[in-house]
Amino acid sequence: MPWYGWLIMILALGSIVGGLMLLRDSARKLPLSEEQLKRIHQRNAEMDAQDASDGKR
């Protein structure tokens, strides 16, 4: 492979890794109240039960 092929490959990999690092650094937890967390867990349990009942048919 010519030198410019390696250069393009290194630039592509660098941009991918840089984008992933930027995404990781910008990620933050959502401040949720206990009530919101309780509703989310309840909704997830309902959806899991519905999926389980749909799978048995």
N, C-alpha and C. Protein backbone atom coordinates (compact mmCIF):
# COMPACT_ATOMS: atom_id res chain seq x y z
N MET A 1 0.86 -1.17 0.00
CA MET A 1 0.00 0.00 0.00
C MET A 1 0.91 1.24 0.00
N PRO A 2 0.59 2.21 -0.84
CA PRO A 2 1.42 3.42 -0.88
C PRO A 2 1.28 4.24 0.41
N TRP A 3 2.17 5.19 0.60
CA TRP A 3 2.22 5.96 1.83
C TRP A 3 0.94 6.74 2.06
N TYR A 4 0.31 7.25 1.00
CA TYR A 4 -0.91 8.04 1.18
C TYR A 4 -2.09 7.16 1.60
N GLY A 5 -2.05 5.89 1.27
CA GLY A 5 -3.08 4.95 1.74
C GLY A 5 -2.99 4.78 3.25
N TRP A 6 -1.75 4.63 3.75
CA TRP A 6 -1.54 4.53 5.19
C TRP A 6 -1.96 5.82 5.88
N LEU A 7 -1.65 6.95 5.25
CA LEU A 7 -2.02 8.25 5.84
C LEU A 7 -3.54 8.38 5.96
N ILE A 8 -4.25 8.00 4.93
CA ILE A 8 -5.72 8.06 4.96
C ILE A 8 -6.26 7.12 6.03
N MET A 9 -5.68 5.92 6.13
CA MET A 9 -6.14 4.96 7.13
C MET A 9 -5.90 5.49 8.55
N ILE A 10 -4.72 6.08 8.79
CA ILE A 10 -4.41 6.62 10.11
C ILE A 10 -5.33 7.79 10.43
N LEU A 11 -5.61 8.65 9.46
CA LEU A 11 -6.52 9.77 9.70
C LEU A 11 -7.94 9.28 10.00
N ALA A 12 -8.39 8.26 9.29
CA ALA A 12 -9.74 7.72 9.54
C ALA A 12 -9.83 7.12 10.93
N LEU A 13 -8.84 6.31 11.30
CA LEU A 13 -8.85 5.71 12.64
C LEU A 13 -8.75 6.79 13.73
N GLY A 14 -7.94 7.80 13.48
CA GLY A 14 -7.81 8.89 14.45
C GLY A 14 -9.12 9.64 14.63
N SER A 15 -9.85 9.87 13.54
CA SER A 15 -11.12 10.58 13.67
C SER A 15 -12.16 9.73 14.40
N ILE A 16 -12.13 8.41 14.17
CA ILE A 16 -13.06 7.52 14.87
C ILE A 16 -12.77 7.50 16.36
N VAL A 17 -11.50 7.31 16.71
CA VAL A 17 -11.12 7.26 18.12
C VAL A 17 -11.38 8.61 18.78
N GLY A 18 -11.06 9.71 18.09
CA GLY A 18 -11.32 11.04 18.64
C GLY A 18 -12.80 11.29 18.87
N GLY A 19 -13.63 10.85 17.94
CA GLY A 19 -15.08 11.00 18.09
C GLY A 19 -15.61 10.21 19.26
N LEU A 20 -15.10 8.99 19.44
CA LEU A 20 -15.54 8.17 20.57
C LEU A 20 -15.10 8.78 21.90
N MET A 21 -13.89 9.32 21.95
CA MET A 21 -13.42 9.96 23.18
C MET A 21 -14.22 11.21 23.49
N LEU A 22 -14.56 11.98 22.46
CA LEU A 22 -15.39 13.17 22.66
C LEU A 22 -16.78 12.79 23.17
N LEU A 23 -17.34 11.73 22.61
CA LEU A 23 -18.65 11.26 23.05
C LEU A 23 -18.61 10.80 24.50
N ARG A 24 -17.55 10.09 24.88
CA ARG A 24 -17.40 9.62 26.26
C ARG A 24 -17.27 10.80 27.22
N ASP A 25 -16.50 11.81 26.84
CA ASP A 25 -16.30 12.96 27.72
C ASP A 25 -17.56 13.80 27.87
N SER A 26 -18.40 13.84 26.83
CA SER A 26 -19.59 14.68 26.89
C SER A 26 -20.78 13.97 27.53
N ALA A 27 -20.66 12.67 27.75
CA ALA A 27 -21.76 11.90 28.36
C ALA A 27 -21.85 12.25 29.84
N ARG A 28 -23.07 12.41 30.31
CA ARG A 28 -23.29 12.70 31.73
C ARG A 28 -24.58 12.03 32.17
N LYS A 29 -24.67 11.77 33.43
CA LYS A 29 -25.86 11.12 33.96
C LYS A 29 -27.01 12.13 34.03
N LEU A 30 -28.20 11.62 33.83
CA LEU A 30 -29.38 12.46 33.94
C LEU A 30 -29.80 12.52 35.41
N PRO A 31 -29.98 13.72 35.91
CA PRO A 31 -30.45 13.82 37.30
C PRO A 31 -31.95 13.51 37.39
N LEU A 32 -32.26 12.31 37.86
CA LEU A 32 -33.65 11.89 37.98
C LEU A 32 -34.01 11.78 39.46
N SER A 33 -35.26 12.16 39.73
CA SER A 33 -35.74 12.03 41.10
C SER A 33 -36.09 10.57 41.38
N GLU A 34 -36.30 10.26 42.64
CA GLU A 34 -36.67 8.90 43.02
C GLU A 34 -38.00 8.50 42.39
N GLU A 35 -38.94 9.44 42.31
CA GLU A 35 -40.24 9.15 41.71
C GLU A 35 -40.09 8.81 40.23
N GLN A 36 -39.25 9.55 39.51
CA GLN A 36 -39.04 9.27 38.10
C GLN A 36 -38.39 7.91 37.90
N LEU A 37 -37.40 7.59 38.74
CA LEU A 37 -36.76 6.28 38.65
C LEU A 37 -37.75 5.15 38.94
N LYS A 38 -38.63 5.38 39.91
CA LYS A 38 -39.63 4.37 40.25
C LYS A 38 -40.57 4.12 39.07
N ARG A 39 -41.00 5.20 38.41
CA ARG A 39 -41.88 5.05 37.25
C ARG A 39 -41.18 4.35 36.10
N ILE A 40 -39.89 4.65 35.89
CA ILE A 40 -39.14 4.02 34.81
C ILE A 40 -39.00 2.52 35.07
N HIS A 41 -38.66 2.15 36.30
CA HIS A 41 -38.53 0.74 36.64
C HIS A 41 -39.87 0.01 36.51
N GLN A 42 -40.95 0.68 36.91
CA GLN A 42 -42.28 0.07 36.79
C GLN A 42 -42.64 -0.14 35.32
N ARG A 43 -42.37 0.85 34.50
CA ARG A 43 -42.68 0.76 33.06
C ARG A 43 -41.84 -0.35 32.41
N ASN A 44 -40.57 -0.45 32.80
CA ASN A 44 -39.73 -1.52 32.25
C ASN A 44 -40.25 -2.90 32.65
N ALA A 45 -40.70 -3.03 33.87
CA ALA A 45 -41.24 -4.31 34.33
C ALA A 45 -42.51 -4.66 33.55
N GLU A 46 -43.36 -3.66 33.30
CA GLU A 46 -44.58 -3.90 32.53
C GLU A 46 -44.24 -4.33 31.10
N MET A 47 -43.26 -3.68 30.50
CA MET A 47 -42.87 -4.02 29.13
C MET A 47 -42.25 -5.42 29.07
N ASP A 48 -41.45 -5.78 30.08
CA ASP A 48 -40.88 -7.12 30.12
C ASP A 48 -41.97 -8.18 30.26
N ALA A 49 -42.97 -7.90 31.08
CA ALA A 49 -44.07 -8.84 31.25
C ALA A 49 -44.87 -8.96 29.95
N GLN A 50 -45.07 -7.85 29.28
CA GLN A 50 -45.81 -7.88 28.03
C GLN A 50 -45.02 -8.64 26.95
N ASP A 51 -43.71 -8.44 26.89
CA ASP A 51 -42.88 -9.16 25.94
C ASP A 51 -42.90 -10.66 26.23
N ALA A 52 -42.88 -11.02 27.51
CA ALA A 52 -42.90 -12.43 27.89
C ALA A 52 -44.22 -13.07 27.49
N SER A 53 -45.32 -12.34 27.68
CA SER A 53 -46.62 -12.91 27.33
C SER A 53 -46.78 -12.99 25.80
N ASP A 54 -46.19 -12.03 25.07
CA ASP A 54 -46.25 -12.08 23.60
C ASP A 54 -45.41 -13.22 23.05
N GLY A 55 -44.33 -13.55 23.74
CA GLY A 55 -43.46 -14.64 23.28
C GLY A 55 -44.06 -16.01 23.49
N LYS A 56 -45.00 -16.14 24.42
CA LYS A 56 -45.60 -17.45 24.72
C LYS A 56 -46.67 -17.83 23.71
N ARG A 57 -47.16 -16.87 22.95
CA ARG A 57 -48.22 -17.16 22.00
C ARG A 57 -47.72 -17.91 20.81
